[in-house]
Amino acid sequence: MLKLHDYGTTDFLQILKNRYPDQVGNWNQPNGLQDVLPQNVLEGTTVLALVYNEGVVIAGDRQATEGYQVGERRIQKVFKIDRHSAIAVAGVAGPCIETAKLFQVQVEFYEKIEGTSLSLDGQANYLSSLVRANLSLAMQGLIVLPLFAGYDLKHGKGRIFKYDALGGRYEEDSYYAIGSGGKDARTTLKKLYQSDMSKESALNAVAEALWDAADEDIATGGPDLIRKIFPTLTLVTEAGVSEVPDDTVAALYRELVARLEQL
């Protein structure tokens, strides 16, 4: 087992900074990107989460934009962190994915050092510090906005945490959506959300929220039935984190289209 005195801290990012300062760089430096920002960067868009009776659904569309063009159709925006938590990220794709992966490694590193799991609140607090560390990049336009969700074993329920660019952490007890289509997705969830929703109702609500976001927001990608590209829907329950199969997601959208055609 790894030992704490070998490193002096359980903060994996700080260890990287101490051992490889030239490769990691200083995220807190005001001009971290020097004078010139890249013009053509991929931006991920809409992600959301919703609490239901068995846990929480966390989801995101698959599209990333590059200016006014589609930059990527199959980007991953939802990542498993540990057995009972997952993160979805919206913003500039590169820093978003880097933050999600670093967060994942940090949680695993802590568990190996301490020999015990980091609590859901502890994970949420550490993610806050990661977002705050990205502030200098956010001030230059490279924003990372995560949505963190998990199943709290102590309280026996799903929980959702949202963040601002300063690392402020806020808990939502029902649902939330962020990104360019976040407002449209929240409007749909507001109409459909009920306390103690079943898994089927929750999945239908999330699928419809992403559909409406894609319908109103040009940066959000909806289901692509021709290319067979569908939003990522992930369940976080007491049993663990599991991604909803594409066949199931496709069936949800076919049912949604059938309902809409009858209106």
C-alpha atoms as a PDB file:
ATOM      1  CA  MET A   1       0.000   0.000   0.000  1.00  0.00           C
ATOM      2  CA  LEU A   2       1.153   3.540  -0.771  1.00  0.00           C
ATOM      3  CA  LYS A   3       2.035   5.569   2.309  1.00  0.00           C
ATOM      4  CA  LEU A   4       1.192   9.193   2.964  1.00  0.00           C
ATOM      5  CA  HIS A   5       4.706  10.136   4.155  1.00  0.00           C
ATOM      6  CA  ASP A   6       6.049   9.172   0.716  1.00  0.00           C
ATOM      7  CA  TYR A   7       4.223  12.185  -0.726  1.00  0.00           C
ATOM      8  CA  GLY A   8       3.393  14.528   2.153  1.00  0.00           C
ATOM      9  CA  THR A   9      -0.129  15.166   0.866  1.00  0.00           C
ATOM     10  CA  THR A  10      -3.167  13.343  -0.527  1.00  0.00           C
ATOM     11  CA  ASP A  11      -3.664  16.089  -3.141  1.00  0.00           C
ATOM     12  CA  PHE A  12      -2.604  14.454  -6.411  1.00  0.00           C
ATOM     13  CA  LEU A  13      -2.500  17.746  -8.324  1.00  0.00           C
ATOM     14  CA  GLN A  14      -0.133  19.236  -5.739  1.00  0.00           C
ATOM     15  CA  ILE A  15       2.143  16.200  -6.031  1.00  0.00           C
ATOM     16  CA  LEU A  16       2.282  16.695  -9.805  1.00  0.00           C
ATOM     17  CA  LYS A  17       3.109  20.370  -9.316  1.00  0.00           C
ATOM     18  CA  ASN A  18       5.872  19.545  -6.831  1.00  0.00           C
ATOM     19  CA  ARG A  19       7.484  16.809  -8.909  1.00  0.00           C
ATOM     20  CA  TYR A  20       6.899  18.044 -12.470  1.00  0.00           C
ATOM     21  CA  PRO A  21       6.472  21.836 -12.310  1.00  0.00           C
ATOM     22  CA  ASP A  22       7.587  22.345 -15.905  1.00  0.00           C
ATOM     23  CA  GLN A  23       5.047  19.875 -17.267  1.00  0.00           C
ATOM     24  CA  VAL A  24       2.060  20.747 -15.101  1.00  0.00           C
ATOM     25  CA  GLY A  25       2.560  24.506 -15.040  1.00  0.00           C
ATOM     26  CA  ASN A  26       1.078  26.992 -12.628  1.00  0.00           C
ATOM     27  CA  TRP A  27      -2.705  27.100 -12.917  1.00  0.00           C
ATOM     28  CA  ASN A  28      -2.874  30.067 -10.553  1.00  0.00           C
ATOM     29  CA  GLN A  29      -0.617  32.275 -12.677  1.00  0.00           C
ATOM     30  CA  PRO A  30      -2.712  35.207 -13.999  1.00  0.00           C
ATOM     31  CA  ASN A  31      -1.305  34.852 -17.513  1.00  0.00           C
ATOM     32  CA  GLY A  32      -1.221  31.091 -17.581  1.00  0.00           C
ATOM     33  CA  LEU A  33      -1.739  30.994 -21.329  1.00  0.00           C
ATOM     34  CA  GLN A  34       0.687  33.852 -22.040  1.00  0.00           C
ATOM     35  CA  ASP A  35      -0.604  36.343 -24.616  1.00  0.00           C
ATOM     36  CA  VAL A  36      -2.392  34.290 -27.257  1.00  0.00           C
ATOM     37  CA  LEU A  37      -5.384  31.996 -26.877  1.00  0.00           C
ATOM     38  CA  PRO A  38      -6.197  29.375 -29.505  1.00  0.00           C
ATOM     39  CA  GLN A  39      -9.045  30.514 -31.721  1.00  0.00           C
ATOM     40  CA  ASN A  40     -10.434  27.135 -32.768  1.00  0.00           C
ATOM     41  CA  VAL A  41     -11.194  25.175 -29.621  1.00  0.00           C
ATOM     42  CA  LEU A  42     -13.870  22.558 -29.125  1.00  0.00           C
ATOM     43  CA  GLU A  43     -16.668  23.467 -26.744  1.00  0.00           C
ATOM     44  CA  GLY A  44     -18.923  20.918 -25.094  1.00  0.00           C
ATOM     45  CA  THR A  45     -22.460  22.010 -24.442  1.00  0.00           C
ATOM     46  CA  THR A  46     -25.424  20.615 -22.501  1.00  0.00           C
ATOM     47  CA  VAL A  47     -25.242  18.276 -19.489  1.00  0.00           C
ATOM     48  CA  LEU A  48     -27.825  17.586 -16.786  1.00  0.00           C
ATOM     49  CA  ALA A  49     -28.692  15.443 -13.790  1.00  0.00           C
ATOM     50  CA  LEU A  50     -31.944  14.371 -12.146  1.00  0.00           C
ATOM     51  CA  VAL A  51     -32.661  12.616  -8.835  1.00  0.00           C
ATOM     52  CA  TYR A  52     -35.085   9.680  -8.890  1.00  0.00           C
ATOM     53  CA  ASN A  53     -36.219   7.051  -6.398  1.00  0.00           C
ATOM     54  CA  GLU A  54     -33.198   4.747  -6.857  1.00  0.00           C
ATOM     55  CA  GLY A  55     -30.462   7.353  -7.227  1.00  0.00           C
ATOM     56  CA  VAL A  56     -29.593   9.898  -9.898  1.00  0.00           C
ATOM     57  CA  VAL A  57     -29.409  10.089 -13.697  1.00  0.00           C
ATOM     58  CA  ILE A  58     -26.540  12.159 -15.130  1.00  0.00           C
ATOM     59  CA  ALA A  59     -26.465  12.800 -18.863  1.00  0.00           C
ATOM     60  CA  GLY A  60     -25.036  14.856 -21.690  1.00  0.00           C
ATOM     61  CA  ASP A  61     -25.287  15.298 -25.429  1.00  0.00           C
ATOM     62  CA  ARG A  62     -22.399  14.115 -27.635  1.00  0.00           C
ATOM     63  CA  GLN A  63     -21.723  17.212 -29.736  1.00  0.00           C
ATOM     64  CA  ALA A  64     -18.881  19.717 -29.447  1.00  0.00           C
ATOM     65  CA  THR A  65     -18.764  22.884 -31.506  1.00  0.00           C
ATOM     66  CA  GLU A  66     -15.836  24.719 -33.095  1.00  0.00           C
ATOM     67  CA  GLY A  67     -17.060  28.254 -33.645  1.00  0.00           C
ATOM     68  CA  TYR A  68     -20.200  27.904 -35.767  1.00  0.00           C
ATOM     69  CA  GLN A  69     -19.306  24.405 -36.947  1.00  0.00           C
ATOM     70  CA  VAL A  70     -19.709  20.934 -35.513  1.00  0.00           C
ATOM     71  CA  GLY A  71     -16.268  20.064 -34.193  1.00  0.00           C
ATOM     72  CA  GLU A  72     -16.992  16.585 -32.826  1.00  0.00           C
ATOM     73  CA  ARG A  73     -20.132  14.413 -32.889  1.00  0.00           C
ATOM     74  CA  ARG A  74     -19.116  11.695 -30.415  1.00  0.00           C
ATOM     75  CA  ILE A  75     -17.403  13.546 -27.582  1.00  0.00           C
ATOM     76  CA  GLN A  76     -17.696  12.095 -24.086  1.00  0.00           C
ATOM     77  CA  LYS A  77     -19.020  14.493 -21.444  1.00  0.00           C
ATOM     78  CA  VAL A  78     -19.965  12.072 -18.651  1.00  0.00           C
ATOM     79  CA  PHE A  79     -17.244  10.258 -16.690  1.00  0.00           C
ATOM     80  CA  LYS A  80     -17.374   7.714 -13.886  1.00  0.00           C
ATOM     81  CA  ILE A  81     -15.389   8.881 -10.834  1.00  0.00           C
ATOM     82  CA  ASP A  82     -15.770   5.919  -8.506  1.00  0.00           C
ATOM     83  CA  ARG A  83     -18.345   3.233  -7.844  1.00  0.00           C
ATOM     84  CA  HIS A  84     -20.974   5.694  -6.599  1.00  0.00           C
ATOM     85  CA  SER A  85     -20.231   8.988  -8.360  1.00  0.00           C
ATOM     86  CA  ALA A  86     -19.926  10.502 -11.815  1.00  0.00           C
ATOM     87  CA  ILE A  87     -19.199  13.889 -13.350  1.00  0.00           C
ATOM     88  CA  ALA A  88     -20.510  15.677 -16.441  1.00  0.00           C
ATOM     89  CA  VAL A  89     -18.627  18.660 -17.857  1.00  0.00           C
ATOM     90  CA  ALA A  90     -19.592  21.634 -20.019  1.00  0.00           C
ATOM     91  CA  GLY A  91     -17.283  24.298 -21.420  1.00  0.00           C
ATOM     92  CA  VAL A  92     -14.076  24.145 -23.436  1.00  0.00           C
ATOM     93  CA  ALA A  93     -13.526  20.458 -24.182  1.00  0.00           C
ATOM     94  CA  GLY A  94      -9.795  20.152 -23.488  1.00  0.00           C
ATOM     95  CA  PRO A  95      -9.734  21.620 -19.959  1.00  0.00           C
ATOM     96  CA  CYS A  96     -13.088  19.946 -19.189  1.00  0.00           C
ATOM     97  CA  ILE A  97     -11.835  16.457 -20.018  1.00  0.00           C
ATOM     98  CA  GLU A  98      -8.523  17.139 -18.264  1.00  0.00           C
ATOM     99  CA  THR A  99     -10.355  18.256 -15.113  1.00  0.00           C
ATOM    100  CA  ALA A 100     -12.627  15.188 -15.155  1.00  0.00           C
ATOM    101  CA  LYS A 101      -9.689  12.801 -15.591  1.00  0.00           C
ATOM    102  CA  LEU A 102      -7.629  14.529 -12.885  1.00  0.00           C
ATOM    103  CA  PHE A 103     -10.592  14.405 -10.517  1.00  0.00           C
ATOM    104  CA  GLN A 104     -10.978  10.689 -11.225  1.00  0.00           C
ATOM    105  CA  VAL A 105      -7.290  10.039 -10.518  1.00  0.00           C
ATOM    106  CA  GLN A 106      -7.380  12.158  -7.354  1.00  0.00           C
ATOM    107  CA  VAL A 107     -10.249  10.156  -5.862  1.00  0.00           C
ATOM    108  CA  GLU A 108      -8.516   6.860  -6.693  1.00  0.00           C
ATOM    109  CA  PHE A 109      -5.206   8.174  -5.307  1.00  0.00           C
ATOM    110  CA  TYR A 110      -6.841   9.258  -2.032  1.00  0.00           C
ATOM    111  CA  GLU A 111      -8.416   5.837  -1.559  1.00  0.00           C
ATOM    112  CA  LYS A 112      -5.073   4.084  -2.115  1.00  0.00           C
ATOM    113  CA  ILE A 113      -3.251   6.399   0.283  1.00  0.00           C
ATOM    114  CA  GLU A 114      -5.875   6.408   3.040  1.00  0.00           C
ATOM    115  CA  GLY A 115      -7.187   2.883   2.559  1.00  0.00           C
ATOM    116  CA  THR A 116     -10.769   4.131   2.630  1.00  0.00           C
ATOM    117  CA  SER A 117     -13.229   5.718   0.239  1.00  0.00           C
ATOM    118  CA  LEU A 118     -13.544   9.490   0.025  1.00  0.00           C
ATOM    119  CA  SER A 119     -17.051  10.548   1.025  1.00  0.00           C
ATOM    120  CA  LEU A 120     -19.388  12.126  -1.533  1.00  0.00           C
ATOM    121  CA  ASP A 121     -19.103  15.477   0.255  1.00  0.00           C
ATOM    122  CA  GLY A 122     -15.325  15.123   0.294  1.00  0.00           C
ATOM    123  CA  GLN A 123     -15.307  14.476  -3.450  1.00  0.00           C
ATOM    124  CA  ALA A 124     -17.572  17.476  -4.046  1.00  0.00           C
ATOM    125  CA  ASN A 125     -15.274  19.697  -1.979  1.00  0.00           C
ATOM    126  CA  TYR A 126     -12.162  18.580  -3.835  1.00  0.00           C
ATOM    127  CA  LEU A 127     -13.841  19.215  -7.201  1.00  0.00           C
ATOM    128  CA  SER A 128     -14.529  22.752  -5.980  1.00  0.00           C
ATOM    129  CA  SER A 129     -10.782  23.293  -5.509  1.00  0.00           C
ATOM    130  CA  LEU A 130     -10.078  21.943  -9.009  1.00  0.00           C
ATOM    131  CA  VAL A 131     -12.550  24.373 -10.566  1.00  0.00           C
ATOM    132  CA  ARG A 132     -11.052  27.236  -8.541  1.00  0.00           C
ATOM    133  CA  ALA A 133      -7.566  26.253  -9.732  1.00  0.00           C
ATOM    134  CA  ASN A 134      -8.768  26.767 -13.305  1.00  0.00           C
ATOM    135  CA  LEU A 135      -9.832  30.373 -12.597  1.00  0.00           C
ATOM    136  CA  SER A 136      -6.987  32.010 -14.520  1.00  0.00           C
ATOM    137  CA  LEU A 137      -7.908  29.998 -17.607  1.00  0.00           C
ATOM    138  CA  ALA A 138     -11.607  30.733 -17.103  1.00  0.00           C
ATOM    139  CA  MET A 139     -10.827  34.465 -17.060  1.00  0.00           C
ATOM    140  CA  GLN A 140      -9.292  33.988 -20.498  1.00  0.00           C
ATOM    141  CA  GLY A 141     -12.284  32.125 -21.887  1.00  0.00           C
ATOM    142  CA  LEU A 142     -11.357  28.489 -21.185  1.00  0.00           C
ATOM    143  CA  ILE A 143     -14.224  27.799 -18.818  1.00  0.00           C
ATOM    144  CA  VAL A 144     -14.815  24.476 -17.054  1.00  0.00           C
ATOM    145  CA  LEU A 145     -18.239  23.983 -15.464  1.00  0.00           C
ATOM    146  CA  PRO A 146     -18.833  20.526 -13.959  1.00  0.00           C
ATOM    147  CA  LEU A 147     -22.007  18.888 -12.742  1.00  0.00           C
ATOM    148  CA  PHE A 148     -21.259  16.269 -10.098  1.00  0.00           C
ATOM    149  CA  ALA A 149     -23.682  13.550  -9.020  1.00  0.00           C
ATOM    150  CA  GLY A 150     -23.477  10.545  -6.766  1.00  0.00           C
ATOM    151  CA  TYR A 151     -25.320   8.105  -4.567  1.00  0.00           C
ATOM    152  CA  ASP A 152     -24.824   8.907  -0.889  1.00  0.00           C
ATOM    153  CA  LEU A 153     -24.593   5.580   0.928  1.00  0.00           C
ATOM    154  CA  LYS A 154     -24.926   7.266   4.316  1.00  0.00           C
ATOM    155  CA  HIS A 155     -28.216   8.970   3.466  1.00  0.00           C
ATOM    156  CA  GLY A 156     -29.443   6.424   0.930  1.00  0.00           C
ATOM    157  CA  LYS A 157     -30.232   8.853  -1.897  1.00  0.00           C
ATOM    158  CA  GLY A 158     -28.895  10.504  -5.023  1.00  0.00           C
ATOM    159  CA  ARG A 159     -27.333  13.967  -4.764  1.00  0.00           C
ATOM    160  CA  ILE A 160     -26.392  16.647  -7.304  1.00  0.00           C
ATOM    161  CA  PHE A 161     -23.748  19.382  -6.977  1.00  0.00           C
ATOM    162  CA  LYS A 162     -23.289  22.332  -9.316  1.00  0.00           C
ATOM    163  CA  TYR A 163     -20.383  24.824  -9.415  1.00  0.00           C
ATOM    164  CA  ASP A 164     -19.622  28.349 -10.536  1.00  0.00           C
ATOM    165  CA  ALA A 165     -16.384  29.494 -12.200  1.00  0.00           C
ATOM    166  CA  LEU A 166     -14.933  30.522  -8.812  1.00  0.00           C
ATOM    167  CA  GLY A 167     -15.321  27.011  -7.436  1.00  0.00           C
ATOM    168  CA  GLY A 168     -18.444  27.766  -5.436  1.00  0.00           C
ATOM    169  CA  ARG A 169     -20.327  24.552  -4.663  1.00  0.00           C
ATOM    170  CA  TYR A 170     -24.123  24.381  -4.505  1.00  0.00           C
ATOM    171  CA  GLU A 171     -26.367  21.371  -4.004  1.00  0.00           C
ATOM    172  CA  GLU A 172     -29.577  20.749  -5.943  1.00  0.00           C
ATOM    173  CA  ASP A 173     -32.058  18.290  -4.457  1.00  0.00           C
ATOM    174  CA  SER A 174     -34.056  17.517  -7.613  1.00  0.00           C
ATOM    175  CA  TYR A 175     -32.458  18.352 -10.996  1.00  0.00           C
ATOM    176  CA  TYR A 176     -30.159  20.765 -12.785  1.00  0.00           C
ATOM    177  CA  ALA A 177     -28.710  21.408 -16.245  1.00  0.00           C
ATOM    178  CA  ILE A 178     -25.786  23.527 -17.435  1.00  0.00           C
ATOM    179  CA  GLY A 179     -24.235  24.491 -20.749  1.00  0.00           C
ATOM    180  CA  SER A 180     -25.543  26.437 -23.719  1.00  0.00           C
ATOM    181  CA  GLY A 181     -28.779  24.443 -23.746  1.00  0.00           C
ATOM    182  CA  GLY A 182     -29.050  24.277 -19.969  1.00  0.00           C
ATOM    183  CA  LYS A 183     -31.891  26.778 -19.675  1.00  0.00           C
ATOM    184  CA  ASP A 184     -34.047  24.897 -22.186  1.00  0.00           C
ATOM    185  CA  ALA A 185     -33.284  21.557 -20.522  1.00  0.00           C
ATOM    186  CA  ARG A 186     -34.162  22.968 -17.088  1.00  0.00           C
ATOM    187  CA  THR A 187     -37.488  24.248 -18.441  1.00  0.00           C
ATOM    188  CA  THR A 188     -38.418  20.751 -19.579  1.00  0.00           C
ATOM    189  CA  LEU A 189     -37.249  19.139 -16.351  1.00  0.00           C
ATOM    190  CA  LYS A 190     -39.259  21.679 -14.377  1.00  0.00           C
ATOM    191  CA  LYS A 191     -42.430  20.529 -16.150  1.00  0.00           C
ATOM    192  CA  LEU A 192     -41.717  16.801 -15.915  1.00  0.00           C
ATOM    193  CA  TYR A 193     -40.005  16.414 -12.547  1.00  0.00           C
ATOM    194  CA  GLN A 194     -41.865  14.743  -9.691  1.00  0.00           C
ATOM    195  CA  SER A 195     -40.582  13.614  -6.339  1.00  0.00           C
ATOM    196  CA  ASP A 196     -39.848   9.884  -6.071  1.00  0.00           C
ATOM    197  CA  MET A 197     -39.759   9.357  -9.846  1.00  0.00           C
ATOM    198  CA  SER A 198     -39.263   5.833 -11.185  1.00  0.00           C
ATOM    199  CA  LYS A 199     -36.243   4.983 -13.313  1.00  0.00           C
ATOM    200  CA  GLU A 200     -38.380   4.830 -16.455  1.00  0.00           C
ATOM    201  CA  SER A 201     -39.948   8.234 -15.785  1.00  0.00           C
ATOM    202  CA  ALA A 202     -36.556   9.757 -15.006  1.00  0.00           C
ATOM    203  CA  LEU A 203     -34.984   8.428 -18.217  1.00  0.00           C
ATOM    204  CA  ASN A 204     -37.905   9.699 -20.278  1.00  0.00           C
ATOM    205  CA  ALA A 205     -37.648  13.133 -18.655  1.00  0.00           C
ATOM    206  CA  VAL A 206     -33.900  13.363 -19.252  1.00  0.00           C
ATOM    207  CA  ALA A 207     -34.246  12.229 -22.877  1.00  0.00           C
ATOM    208  CA  GLU A 208     -36.964  14.826 -23.532  1.00  0.00           C
ATOM    209  CA  ALA A 209     -34.954  17.578 -21.816  1.00  0.00           C
ATOM    210  CA  LEU A 210     -31.973  16.924 -24.087  1.00  0.00           C
ATOM    211  CA  TRP A 211     -34.275  16.778 -27.115  1.00  0.00           C
ATOM    212  CA  ASP A 212     -35.751  20.190 -26.263  1.00  0.00           C
ATOM    213  CA  ALA A 213     -32.295  21.649 -25.605  1.00  0.00           C
ATOM    214  CA  ALA A 214     -31.107  20.441 -29.032  1.00  0.00           C
ATOM    215  CA  ASP A 215     -34.270  21.810 -30.637  1.00  0.00           C
ATOM    216  CA  GLU A 216     -33.683  25.333 -29.276  1.00  0.00           C
ATOM    217  CA  ASP A 217     -29.890  25.539 -28.983  1.00  0.00           C
ATOM    218  CA  ILE A 218     -27.752  25.196 -32.119  1.00  0.00           C
ATOM    219  CA  ALA A 219     -24.720  24.008 -30.113  1.00  0.00           C
ATOM    220  CA  THR A 220     -26.510  21.044 -28.498  1.00  0.00           C
ATOM    221  CA  GLY A 221     -26.625  17.786 -30.418  1.00  0.00           C
ATOM    222  CA  GLY A 222     -29.759  15.671 -30.331  1.00  0.00           C
ATOM    223  CA  PRO A 223     -30.068  11.970 -31.177  1.00  0.00           C
ATOM    224  CA  ASP A 224     -28.657  11.104 -34.598  1.00  0.00           C
ATOM    225  CA  LEU A 225     -30.671   8.133 -35.820  1.00  0.00           C
ATOM    226  CA  ILE A 226     -28.731   7.881 -39.089  1.00  0.00           C
ATOM    227  CA  ARG A 227     -25.247   7.779 -37.520  1.00  0.00           C
ATOM    228  CA  LYS A 228     -26.634   6.010 -34.426  1.00  0.00           C
ATOM    229  CA  ILE A 229     -25.207   8.615 -32.069  1.00  0.00           C
ATOM    230  CA  PHE A 230     -27.220   9.148 -28.892  1.00  0.00           C
ATOM    231  CA  PRO A 231     -26.817  11.233 -25.744  1.00  0.00           C
ATOM    232  CA  THR A 232     -24.996   9.567 -22.860  1.00  0.00           C
ATOM    233  CA  LEU A 233     -27.345   8.582 -20.022  1.00  0.00           C
ATOM    234  CA  THR A 234     -25.714   7.200 -16.871  1.00  0.00           C
ATOM    235  CA  LEU A 235     -27.377   5.820 -13.729  1.00  0.00           C
ATOM    236  CA  VAL A 236     -25.778   6.177 -10.295  1.00  0.00           C
ATOM    237  CA  THR A 237     -27.429   3.970  -7.682  1.00  0.00           C
ATOM    238  CA  GLU A 238     -26.551   1.956  -4.597  1.00  0.00           C
ATOM    239  CA  ALA A 239     -25.489  -0.852  -6.956  1.00  0.00           C
ATOM    240  CA  GLY A 240     -22.990   1.424  -8.698  1.00  0.00           C
ATOM    241  CA  VAL A 241     -22.516   3.499 -11.868  1.00  0.00           C
ATOM    242  CA  SER A 242     -23.913   2.080 -15.111  1.00  0.00           C
ATOM    243  CA  GLU A 243     -24.298   3.597 -18.559  1.00  0.00           C
ATOM    244  CA  VAL A 244     -27.667   3.114 -20.245  1.00  0.00           C
ATOM    245  CA  PRO A 245     -27.091   1.080 -23.456  1.00  0.00           C
ATOM    246  CA  ASP A 246     -27.477   2.889 -26.777  1.00  0.00           C
ATOM    247  CA  ASP A 247     -30.279   0.511 -27.797  1.00  0.00           C
ATOM    248  CA  THR A 248     -32.290   1.586 -24.754  1.00  0.00           C
ATOM    249  CA  VAL A 249     -31.609   5.278 -25.414  1.00  0.00           C
ATOM    250  CA  ALA A 250     -32.610   4.836 -29.066  1.00  0.00           C
ATOM    251  CA  ALA A 251     -35.891   3.240 -27.957  1.00  0.00           C
ATOM    252  CA  LEU A 252     -36.558   6.195 -25.625  1.00  0.00           C
ATOM    253  CA  TYR A 253     -36.188   8.626 -28.509  1.00  0.00           C
ATOM    254  CA  ARG A 254     -38.302   6.569 -30.895  1.00  0.00           C
ATOM    255  CA  GLU A 255     -41.078   6.592 -28.298  1.00  0.00           C
ATOM    256  CA  LEU A 256     -40.617  10.348 -27.834  1.00  0.00           C
ATOM    257  CA  VAL A 257     -40.857  10.975 -31.589  1.00  0.00           C
ATOM    258  CA  ALA A 258     -44.002   8.853 -31.745  1.00  0.00           C
ATOM    259  CA  ARG A 259     -45.581  10.892 -28.940  1.00  0.00           C
ATOM    260  CA  LEU A 260     -44.664  14.173 -30.602  1.00  0.00           C
ATOM    261  CA  GLU A 261     -46.140  13.057 -33.928  1.00  0.00           C
ATOM    262  CA  GLN A 262     -49.486  12.504 -32.204  1.00  0.00           C
ATOM    263  CA  LEU A 263     -49.676  16.069 -30.890  1.00  0.00           C
END
